[in-house]
Amino acid sequence: MILPRFFLNIRRNGVLIRDEEGDVLPDSAAARTLALDTLREMLRLPHIYGPPRAWRGNVFVITDEAGTVVAEVPYDALL
């Protein structure tokens, strides 16, 4: 069985920054979990990612291989 690839693109200040690599995951729920896990890691490392208030308005726009948006996860979902 071939697993699909999902892309965690970032919308920052109205500009979409594309994830060119993506991640092979079982489904869109796993992609959403990956986005939330990534945010948790960012919160743990403000010396790398900057203070959370600086990226509060950003959103992960998760797409499938066809480019269809399957979920959006605002960065402030955990703030």
C-alpha atoms as a PDB file:
ATOM      1  CA  MET A   1       0.000   0.000   0.000  1.00  0.00           C
ATOM      2  CA  ILE A   2       1.354   3.396  -0.992  1.00  0.00           C
ATOM      3  CA  LEU A   3       0.761   6.148   1.530  1.00  0.00           C
ATOM      4  CA  PRO A   4      -0.171   9.646   0.336  1.00  0.00           C
ATOM      5  CA  ARG A   5       2.031  12.701   0.688  1.00  0.00           C
ATOM      6  CA  PHE A   6       0.814  15.807   2.502  1.00  0.00           C
ATOM      7  CA  PHE A   7       2.342  19.280   2.413  1.00  0.00           C
ATOM      8  CA  LEU A   8       2.459  21.648   5.388  1.00  0.00           C
ATOM      9  CA  ASN A   9       2.477  24.952   3.535  1.00  0.00           C
ATOM     10  CA  ILE A  10       2.589  28.150   5.570  1.00  0.00           C
ATOM     11  CA  ARG A  11       0.425  31.217   4.985  1.00  0.00           C
ATOM     12  CA  ARG A  12       2.250  34.225   6.434  1.00  0.00           C
ATOM     13  CA  ASN A  13       0.954  37.761   5.921  1.00  0.00           C
ATOM     14  CA  GLY A  14      -1.259  36.577   3.065  1.00  0.00           C
ATOM     15  CA  VAL A  15       1.630  34.872   1.219  1.00  0.00           C
ATOM     16  CA  LEU A  16       1.679  31.090   0.801  1.00  0.00           C
ATOM     17  CA  ILE A  17       5.090  29.525   1.405  1.00  0.00           C
ATOM     18  CA  ARG A  18       5.036  26.099  -0.190  1.00  0.00           C
ATOM     19  CA  ASP A  19       6.349  22.955   1.418  1.00  0.00           C
ATOM     20  CA  GLU A  20       8.234  21.458  -1.535  1.00  0.00           C
ATOM     21  CA  GLU A  21       9.040  18.130   0.163  1.00  0.00           C
ATOM     22  CA  GLY A  22       5.928  17.075   2.016  1.00  0.00           C
ATOM     23  CA  ASP A  23       5.556  14.109   4.325  1.00  0.00           C
ATOM     24  CA  VAL A  24       4.282  10.609   3.629  1.00  0.00           C
ATOM     25  CA  LEU A  25       1.461  10.054   6.111  1.00  0.00           C
ATOM     26  CA  PRO A  26      -1.515   7.706   6.404  1.00  0.00           C
ATOM     27  CA  ASP A  27      -4.195  10.419   6.186  1.00  0.00           C
ATOM     28  CA  SER A  28      -5.097  14.074   6.667  1.00  0.00           C
ATOM     29  CA  ALA A  29      -5.648  13.541  10.407  1.00  0.00           C
ATOM     30  CA  ALA A  30      -2.007  12.472  10.708  1.00  0.00           C
ATOM     31  CA  ALA A  31      -0.989  15.589   8.752  1.00  0.00           C
ATOM     32  CA  ARG A  32      -2.951  17.768  11.177  1.00  0.00           C
ATOM     33  CA  THR A  33      -1.287  16.010  14.113  1.00  0.00           C
ATOM     34  CA  LEU A  34       2.116  16.647  12.510  1.00  0.00           C
ATOM     35  CA  ALA A  35       1.270  20.353  12.195  1.00  0.00           C
ATOM     36  CA  LEU A  36       0.305  20.542  15.876  1.00  0.00           C
ATOM     37  CA  ASP A  37       3.438  18.619  16.903  1.00  0.00           C
ATOM     38  CA  THR A  38       5.529  21.039  14.858  1.00  0.00           C
ATOM     39  CA  LEU A  39       3.896  23.980  16.633  1.00  0.00           C
ATOM     40  CA  ARG A  40       4.630  22.417  20.022  1.00  0.00           C
ATOM     41  CA  GLU A  41       8.274  22.073  19.008  1.00  0.00           C
ATOM     42  CA  MET A  42       8.340  25.713  17.876  1.00  0.00           C
ATOM     43  CA  LEU A  43       6.958  26.809  21.248  1.00  0.00           C
ATOM     44  CA  ARG A  44       9.747  24.891  22.983  1.00  0.00           C
ATOM     45  CA  LEU A  45      12.412  26.607  20.863  1.00  0.00           C
ATOM     46  CA  PRO A  46      11.697  30.360  20.783  1.00  0.00           C
ATOM     47  CA  HIS A  47      15.428  31.029  20.466  1.00  0.00           C
ATOM     48  CA  ILE A  48      15.213  29.412  17.005  1.00  0.00           C
ATOM     49  CA  TYR A  49      11.697  30.339  15.816  1.00  0.00           C
ATOM     50  CA  GLY A  50      11.321  33.658  17.579  1.00  0.00           C
ATOM     51  CA  PRO A  51       8.668  34.674  20.074  1.00  0.00           C
ATOM     52  CA  PRO A  52       5.219  33.181  19.453  1.00  0.00           C
ATOM     53  CA  ARG A  53       3.633  36.639  19.116  1.00  0.00           C
ATOM     54  CA  ALA A  54       5.747  37.115  15.972  1.00  0.00           C
ATOM     55  CA  TRP A  55       4.117  34.167  14.192  1.00  0.00           C
ATOM     56  CA  ARG A  56       0.689  34.164  15.823  1.00  0.00           C
ATOM     57  CA  GLY A  57      -1.159  35.033  12.579  1.00  0.00           C
ATOM     58  CA  ASN A  58       0.486  32.290  10.513  1.00  0.00           C
ATOM     59  CA  VAL A  59      -1.461  29.241   9.362  1.00  0.00           C
ATOM     60  CA  PHE A  60      -0.416  25.774   8.217  1.00  0.00           C
ATOM     61  CA  VAL A  61      -2.331  25.127   5.002  1.00  0.00           C
ATOM     62  CA  ILE A  62      -2.204  21.370   4.562  1.00  0.00           C
ATOM     63  CA  THR A  63      -2.622  20.099   1.025  1.00  0.00           C
ATOM     64  CA  ASP A  64      -2.623  16.674  -0.564  1.00  0.00           C
ATOM     65  CA  GLU A  65      -0.611  15.644  -3.619  1.00  0.00           C
ATOM     66  CA  ALA A  66      -3.231  17.153  -5.942  1.00  0.00           C
ATOM     67  CA  GLY A  67      -2.909  20.522  -4.193  1.00  0.00           C
ATOM     68  CA  THR A  68      -6.313  20.279  -2.546  1.00  0.00           C
ATOM     69  CA  VAL A  69      -6.508  21.936   0.866  1.00  0.00           C
ATOM     70  CA  VAL A  70      -7.420  19.228   3.383  1.00  0.00           C
ATOM     71  CA  ALA A  71      -6.990  21.268   6.585  1.00  0.00           C
ATOM     72  CA  GLU A  72      -5.837  24.585   7.979  1.00  0.00           C
ATOM     73  CA  VAL A  73      -4.142  24.798  11.357  1.00  0.00           C
ATOM     74  CA  PRO A  74      -3.658  28.327  12.715  1.00  0.00           C
ATOM     75  CA  TYR A  75      -0.471  28.733  14.691  1.00  0.00           C
ATOM     76  CA  ASP A  76      -2.486  30.240  17.509  1.00  0.00           C
ATOM     77  CA  ALA A  77      -4.356  26.920  17.883  1.00  0.00           C
ATOM     78  CA  LEU A  78      -1.934  26.195  20.727  1.00  0.00           C
ATOM     79  CA  LEU A  79      -1.372  29.704  22.038  1.00  0.00           C
END
